[in-house]
């Protein structure tokens, strides 16, 4: 599914510079919550799994 930047502005209810950064992969300044909202608005299904981290030696 490909959308134009102007369509994404409407769908995601964001300003064009934010959409431009998103499309270029510049997401380090975006919160996980915001990315999940975008995924929901785009109708994407997500599976989130957390693996156990390694235990650190004391």
C-alpha atoms as a PDB file:
ATOM      1  CA  UNK A   1       0.000   0.000   0.000  1.00  0.00           C
ATOM      2  CA  UNK A   2       1.608   3.242  -1.160  1.00  0.00           C
ATOM      3  CA  UNK A   3       0.333   6.637  -0.138  1.00  0.00           C
ATOM      4  CA  UNK A   4       1.364  10.082  -1.272  1.00  0.00           C
ATOM      5  CA  UNK A   5       2.723  12.498   1.295  1.00  0.00           C
ATOM      6  CA  UNK A   6      -0.449  14.583   1.048  1.00  0.00           C
ATOM      7  CA  UNK A   7      -2.610  11.488   1.693  1.00  0.00           C
ATOM      8  CA  UNK A   8      -0.469  10.596   4.719  1.00  0.00           C
ATOM      9  CA  UNK A   9      -0.823  14.140   6.057  1.00  0.00           C
ATOM     10  CA  UNK A  10      -4.601  13.614   6.082  1.00  0.00           C
ATOM     11  CA  UNK A  11      -4.575   9.999   7.320  1.00  0.00           C
ATOM     12  CA  UNK A  12      -2.034  10.521  10.097  1.00  0.00           C
ATOM     13  CA  UNK A  13      -3.203  14.059  10.953  1.00  0.00           C
ATOM     14  CA  UNK A  14       0.366  15.381  10.891  1.00  0.00           C
ATOM     15  CA  UNK A  15       2.249  18.225   9.253  1.00  0.00           C
ATOM     16  CA  UNK A  16       4.127  17.569   6.012  1.00  0.00           C
ATOM     17  CA  UNK A  17       7.653  17.870   7.496  1.00  0.00           C
ATOM     18  CA  UNK A  18       6.823  15.116  10.016  1.00  0.00           C
ATOM     19  CA  UNK A  19       5.587  12.871   7.199  1.00  0.00           C
ATOM     20  CA  UNK A  20       8.697  13.616   5.163  1.00  0.00           C
ATOM     21  CA  UNK A  21      10.936  12.615   8.079  1.00  0.00           C
ATOM     22  CA  UNK A  22       8.883   9.463   8.629  1.00  0.00           C
ATOM     23  CA  UNK A  23       9.214   8.429   4.983  1.00  0.00           C
ATOM     24  CA  UNK A  24      12.986   8.999   5.109  1.00  0.00           C
ATOM     25  CA  UNK A  25      13.256   6.765   8.169  1.00  0.00           C
ATOM     26  CA  UNK A  26      14.075   9.571  10.593  1.00  0.00           C
ATOM     27  CA  UNK A  27      12.061   8.231  13.507  1.00  0.00           C
ATOM     28  CA  UNK A  28      14.490   8.614  16.408  1.00  0.00           C
ATOM     29  CA  UNK A  29      12.612  11.694  17.677  1.00  0.00           C
ATOM     30  CA  UNK A  30       9.200   9.962  17.490  1.00  0.00           C
ATOM     31  CA  UNK A  31       7.724   8.141  20.456  1.00  0.00           C
ATOM     32  CA  UNK A  32       6.686   4.500  20.317  1.00  0.00           C
ATOM     33  CA  UNK A  33       3.149   5.645  21.136  1.00  0.00           C
ATOM     34  CA  UNK A  34       3.079   7.972  18.127  1.00  0.00           C
ATOM     35  CA  UNK A  35       4.370   5.226  15.810  1.00  0.00           C
ATOM     36  CA  UNK A  36       1.696   2.848  17.144  1.00  0.00           C
ATOM     37  CA  UNK A  37      -0.985   5.474  16.481  1.00  0.00           C
ATOM     38  CA  UNK A  38       0.290   5.845  12.915  1.00  0.00           C
ATOM     39  CA  UNK A  39       0.198   2.066  12.431  1.00  0.00           C
ATOM     40  CA  UNK A  40      -3.372   1.937  13.730  1.00  0.00           C
ATOM     41  CA  UNK A  41      -4.512   4.776  11.456  1.00  0.00           C
ATOM     42  CA  UNK A  42      -2.955   2.958   8.495  1.00  0.00           C
ATOM     43  CA  UNK A  43      -4.745  -0.268   9.435  1.00  0.00           C
ATOM     44  CA  UNK A  44      -1.558  -2.195  10.147  1.00  0.00           C
ATOM     45  CA  UNK A  45      -1.632  -5.244  12.409  1.00  0.00           C
ATOM     46  CA  UNK A  46       1.222  -5.507  14.889  1.00  0.00           C
ATOM     47  CA  UNK A  47       2.672  -8.315  16.957  1.00  0.00           C
ATOM     48  CA  UNK A  48       5.014  -7.124  19.669  1.00  0.00           C
ATOM     49  CA  UNK A  49       7.217  -9.647  21.424  1.00  0.00           C
ATOM     50  CA  UNK A  50       9.675  -9.048  24.197  1.00  0.00           C
ATOM     51  CA  UNK A  51      12.487 -11.461  24.743  1.00  0.00           C
ATOM     52  CA  UNK A  52      14.192 -11.902  28.046  1.00  0.00           C
ATOM     53  CA  UNK A  53      17.321  -9.861  28.373  1.00  0.00           C
ATOM     54  CA  UNK A  54      20.603 -11.333  29.494  1.00  0.00           C
ATOM     55  CA  UNK A  55      21.218 -11.230  33.192  1.00  0.00           C
ATOM     56  CA  UNK A  56      24.167  -9.146  34.214  1.00  0.00           C
ATOM     57  CA  UNK A  57      26.696 -10.502  36.598  1.00  0.00           C
ATOM     58  CA  UNK A  58      26.557  -8.806  39.980  1.00  0.00           C
END
